[in-house]
Structure formats: C-alpha cells, structure tokens
C-alpha cells in the first residue's frame, strides 16, 4: 500500500470544505429550480457539481491532495505552508 503523507491543512482545508458545501447547495438548487435550464444542461450540471464537491470534501477529510504532492507543496498545519 502506498503511504501518502498529509499535505492539506489550515485555511486550504477550510476553503475546500466551504467550497464543497457550496457545490452541494448549488446542485440542490439546480435540481429544485433548474426547470429553466434545458434538460441536457440541467442533467450535466447536477452530475458535475456533486463530483466536484466529492473531490473537495474528500481531499479535505483525508487531508491529502495529489496535486499538492505533484507540486511538492504542503499546507498541513504540522509542517507549515512551504515547498519541499
């Protein structure tokens, strides 16, 4: 099993949680009052928003983001915001 160290924390984690919840809310609003959108558009929007929310909330929960690892960055509180 590959072990990936934590690289998401502090404000980055808070922003990911807030943005994820906003995307969930936007999906719910689109589903509820999205009748003005054409059928394919509403379906695409309600499919994409939860996926984006899932990624944001999942990376915030796990405190790991592959993009930070690829860039060699970390916003984890224990290590501080710095580059490796």
Protein backbone atom coordinates (compact mmCIF):
# COMPACT_ATOMS: atom_id res chain seq x y z
CA UNK A 1 0.00 0.00 0.00
CA UNK A 2 1.29 3.44 -0.92
CA UNK A 3 1.54 5.81 2.00
CA UNK A 4 0.91 9.46 1.19
CA UNK A 5 1.62 11.99 3.90
CA UNK A 6 -0.85 14.70 4.76
CA UNK A 7 -0.46 17.84 2.70
CA UNK A 8 -3.75 19.71 3.20
CA UNK A 9 -4.49 21.72 6.32
CA UNK A 10 -5.32 25.10 7.77
CA UNK A 11 -7.04 27.60 5.52
CA UNK A 12 -6.72 25.29 2.50
CA UNK A 13 -8.76 22.62 4.26
CA UNK A 14 -11.36 25.17 5.42
CA UNK A 15 -11.74 26.56 1.89
CA UNK A 16 -12.14 23.04 0.47
CA UNK A 17 -14.91 22.24 2.98
CA UNK A 18 -16.71 25.53 2.34
CA UNK A 19 -16.43 25.23 -1.45
CA UNK A 20 -17.59 21.61 -1.34
CA UNK A 21 -20.67 22.58 0.64
CA UNK A 22 -21.37 25.44 -1.77
CA UNK A 23 -21.23 23.00 -4.69
CA UNK A 24 -23.62 20.64 -2.90
CA UNK A 25 -26.01 23.55 -2.28
CA UNK A 26 -25.72 24.70 -5.89
CA UNK A 27 -26.55 21.19 -7.07
CA UNK A 28 -29.62 21.07 -4.83
CA UNK A 29 -30.82 24.48 -6.06
CA UNK A 30 -30.23 23.46 -9.68
CA UNK A 31 -32.22 20.30 -9.10
CA UNK A 32 -35.07 22.14 -7.37
CA UNK A 33 -35.48 25.19 -9.59
CA UNK A 34 -33.43 24.31 -12.65
CA UNK A 35 -36.50 23.87 -14.83
CA UNK A 36 -35.50 26.97 -16.77
CA UNK A 37 -32.40 25.12 -17.94
CA UNK A 38 -32.75 22.81 -20.88
CA UNK A 39 -32.92 19.13 -19.97
CA UNK A 40 -29.38 18.14 -21.02
CA UNK A 41 -27.87 21.18 -19.31
CA UNK A 42 -29.64 20.53 -16.02
CA UNK A 43 -28.53 16.89 -16.07
CA UNK A 44 -24.93 17.78 -16.79
CA UNK A 45 -24.85 20.44 -14.09
CA UNK A 46 -26.42 18.16 -11.49
CA UNK A 47 -23.93 15.42 -12.40
CA UNK A 48 -20.78 17.56 -12.36
CA UNK A 49 -21.43 19.60 -9.20
CA UNK A 50 -21.56 16.60 -6.84
CA UNK A 51 -18.39 15.19 -8.38
CA UNK A 52 -16.53 18.44 -7.75
CA UNK A 53 -17.97 18.58 -4.22
CA UNK A 54 -16.93 14.95 -3.61
CA UNK A 55 -13.32 15.70 -4.60
CA UNK A 56 -13.14 18.86 -2.48
CA UNK A 57 -14.75 17.30 0.60
CA UNK A 58 -12.80 14.06 0.21
CA UNK A 59 -9.42 15.77 -0.02
CA UNK A 60 -10.32 17.96 2.96
CA UNK A 61 -11.37 14.93 5.01
CA UNK A 62 -8.30 12.86 4.13
CA UNK A 63 -6.01 15.89 4.33
CA UNK A 64 -4.29 14.65 1.18
CA UNK A 65 -4.36 16.10 -2.32
CA UNK A 66 -2.36 14.54 -5.17
CA UNK A 67 -1.98 17.95 -6.85
CA UNK A 68 -0.10 19.32 -3.83
CA UNK A 69 2.09 16.23 -3.82
CA UNK A 70 2.88 16.60 -7.54
CA UNK A 71 3.82 20.24 -6.98
CA UNK A 72 5.82 19.40 -3.85
CA UNK A 73 3.71 21.69 -1.69
CA UNK A 74 2.01 21.30 1.66
CA UNK A 75 -0.47 23.41 3.60
CA UNK A 76 -0.56 20.98 6.53
CA UNK A 77 -0.55 22.77 9.89
CA UNK A 78 2.08 20.48 11.38
CA UNK A 79 4.63 21.24 8.67
CA UNK A 80 3.54 24.78 7.86
CA UNK A 81 2.95 26.28 4.41
CA UNK A 82 6.14 25.60 2.48
CA UNK A 83 7.52 23.83 -0.53
CA UNK A 84 9.69 20.76 -0.25
